[in-house]
Protein backbone atom coordinates (compact mmCIF):
# COMPACT_ATOMS: atom_id res chain seq x y z
CA MET A 1 7.43 31.42 49.81
CA THR A 2 7.76 32.80 46.31
CA MET A 3 4.97 32.77 43.76
CA ALA A 4 6.88 30.26 41.61
CA SER A 5 7.17 27.82 44.51
CA ARG A 6 3.47 28.24 45.34
CA LEU A 7 2.56 27.50 41.73
CA SER A 8 4.88 24.48 41.76
CA VAL A 9 3.15 23.12 44.87
CA LEU A 10 -0.23 23.70 43.22
CA LEU A 11 0.79 21.97 40.00
CA LEU A 12 2.45 18.97 41.66
CA SER A 13 -0.42 18.42 44.06
CA LEU A 14 -2.95 18.71 41.23
CA VAL A 15 -1.07 16.08 39.23
CA ALA A 16 -1.02 13.79 42.28
CA ILE A 17 -4.75 14.21 42.94
CA LEU A 18 -5.73 13.76 39.30
CA GLY A 19 -3.39 10.78 38.97
CA LEU A 20 -4.91 9.06 42.00
CA HIS A 21 -8.39 9.83 40.70
CA ALA A 22 -7.55 8.47 37.23
CA VAL A 23 -6.14 5.23 38.63
CA SER A 24 -9.14 4.89 40.95
CA ILE A 25 -11.69 4.94 38.15
CA MET A 26 -9.76 2.66 35.79
CA PRO A 27 -11.68 -0.59 35.24
CA LYS A 28 -8.45 -2.53 35.72
CA TYR A 29 -8.15 -1.40 39.35
CA ASP A 30 -11.70 -0.25 40.19
CA TRP A 31 -10.57 1.23 43.50
CA TYR A 32 -13.75 3.28 43.88
CA ASN A 33 -15.80 0.11 44.27
CA GLN A 34 -13.17 -1.70 46.34
CA PHE A 35 -12.46 1.11 48.81
CA TRP A 36 -15.61 3.01 49.78
CA TRP A 37 -13.61 5.63 51.70
CA LEU A 38 -11.39 6.62 48.77
CA ASP A 39 -13.96 9.15 47.53
CA TRP A 40 -13.78 10.95 50.89
CA ILE A 41 -9.99 11.12 50.77
CA LEU A 42 -10.04 12.52 47.25
CA HIS A 43 -12.65 15.13 48.19
CA PHE A 44 -10.60 16.12 51.22
CA MET A 45 -7.49 16.47 49.06
CA GLY A 46 -9.45 18.39 46.42
CA GLY A 47 -10.94 20.72 49.00
CA ALA A 48 -7.50 21.45 50.44
CA TRP A 49 -6.16 22.05 46.94
CA VAL A 50 -8.94 24.50 46.05
CA ALA A 51 -8.45 26.32 49.37
CA TYR A 52 -4.73 26.63 48.70
CA LEU A 53 -5.45 27.83 45.16
CA PHE A 54 -7.69 30.52 46.62
CA LEU A 55 -4.89 31.58 48.98
CA VAL A 56 -2.40 31.74 46.12
CA LEU A 57 -4.75 33.88 44.07
CA ARG A 58 -5.72 36.10 47.01
CA ARG A 59 -2.90 36.45 49.47
CA ARG A 60 -5.13 38.01 52.10
CA ALA A 61 -8.39 36.19 52.53
CA ARG A 62 -10.64 35.70 55.48
CA PRO A 63 -11.30 32.11 56.56
CA ILE A 64 -15.01 32.41 55.72
CA ALA A 65 -14.09 33.47 52.16
CA ILE A 66 -11.84 30.44 51.77
CA ILE A 67 -14.50 28.07 53.09
CA SER A 68 -17.23 29.67 50.98
CA PHE A 69 -15.11 29.43 47.83
CA VAL A 70 -14.36 25.75 48.41
CA PHE A 71 -18.02 25.06 49.15
CA LEU A 72 -19.05 26.78 45.91
CA ILE A 73 -16.50 24.81 43.89
CA GLY A 74 -17.62 21.61 45.67
CA ILE A 75 -21.24 22.24 44.68
CA GLY A 76 -20.13 22.81 41.09
CA TRP A 77 -18.19 19.54 41.18
CA GLU A 78 -21.22 17.66 42.49
CA VAL A 79 -23.37 19.12 39.70
CA LEU A 80 -20.77 17.89 37.21
CA GLU A 81 -20.80 14.43 38.82
CA TYR A 82 -24.57 14.33 38.52
CA MET A 83 -24.48 15.46 34.90
CA PHE A 84 -21.89 12.79 34.02
CA ASN A 85 -23.75 10.03 35.87
CA VAL A 86 -27.05 10.61 34.12
CA PRO A 87 -25.93 10.21 30.48
CA PHE A 88 -23.24 7.60 31.08
CA PHE A 89 -24.74 5.43 33.80
CA GLY A 90 -28.46 6.12 33.64
CA VAL A 91 -30.71 8.14 35.91
CA GLY A 92 -30.86 5.28 38.43
CA GLU A 93 -27.24 5.85 39.40
CA ALA A 94 -27.71 9.53 40.23
CA SER A 95 -31.24 10.37 41.16
CA PHE A 96 -32.46 13.10 43.46
CA ALA A 97 -34.86 10.56 44.97
CA ASP A 98 -32.02 8.15 45.81
CA SER A 99 -31.09 8.71 49.45
CA LEU A 100 -27.68 7.04 49.02
CA TRP A 101 -26.78 9.45 46.24
CA ILE A 102 -27.85 12.40 48.39
CA LEU A 103 -25.83 11.06 51.34
CA ASP A 104 -22.78 10.62 49.09
CA THR A 105 -23.13 14.19 47.84
CA LEU A 106 -23.43 15.57 51.38
CA MET A 107 -20.42 13.59 52.56
CA ASP A 108 -18.39 14.82 49.59
CA LEU A 109 -19.26 18.42 50.44
CA PHE A 110 -18.54 17.77 54.12
CA PHE A 111 -15.00 16.62 53.36
CA ASP A 112 -14.46 19.53 50.97
CA VAL A 113 -15.44 21.99 53.71
CA ILE A 114 -13.45 20.23 56.47
CA ALA A 115 -10.33 20.48 54.31
CA ALA A 116 -11.07 24.15 53.62
CA MET A 117 -11.46 24.81 57.34
CA LEU A 118 -8.10 23.21 58.11
CA VAL A 119 -6.34 25.17 55.38
CA ALA A 120 -8.01 28.38 56.61
CA VAL A 121 -6.93 27.71 60.21
CA PHE A 122 -3.35 26.92 59.21
CA ALA A 123 -3.22 29.95 56.91
CA ASN A 124 -4.59 32.16 59.67
CA ARG A 125 -2.02 30.88 62.16
CA TYR A 126 0.84 30.96 59.66
CA THR A 127 0.18 34.58 58.80
CA LYS A 128 -0.66 35.46 62.42
CA GLY A 129 -4.15 36.68 61.63
CA ASN A 130 -3.15 38.73 58.58
CA VAL A 131 -5.04 36.48 56.21
């Protein structure tokens, strides 16, 4: 696969993920409150996208490097979520003492890492261990 086709896949998948995310948070649809599992799907898709981005940037990467990179980006994303929730929705929505918020954060990171593991396994098999 050429670099141009890899970048095309990255761009198209990013547009799809961001488009689904944008529609999900629109007050008109409010899919995040209607479908509790949608957040998990979007984190899975985002984790797979970040893992693929890592593979495009580094053609040869060990699976642990891919997973670690996705986990690091996932933690950064969760920090951003927390920072946006506090000023816009109040501390009650995103509080370290709130066990539901902590569970949501852990589940988000779980799906990020599961997606990274799958991408790493497929990349390892596709390249026959030369990743």
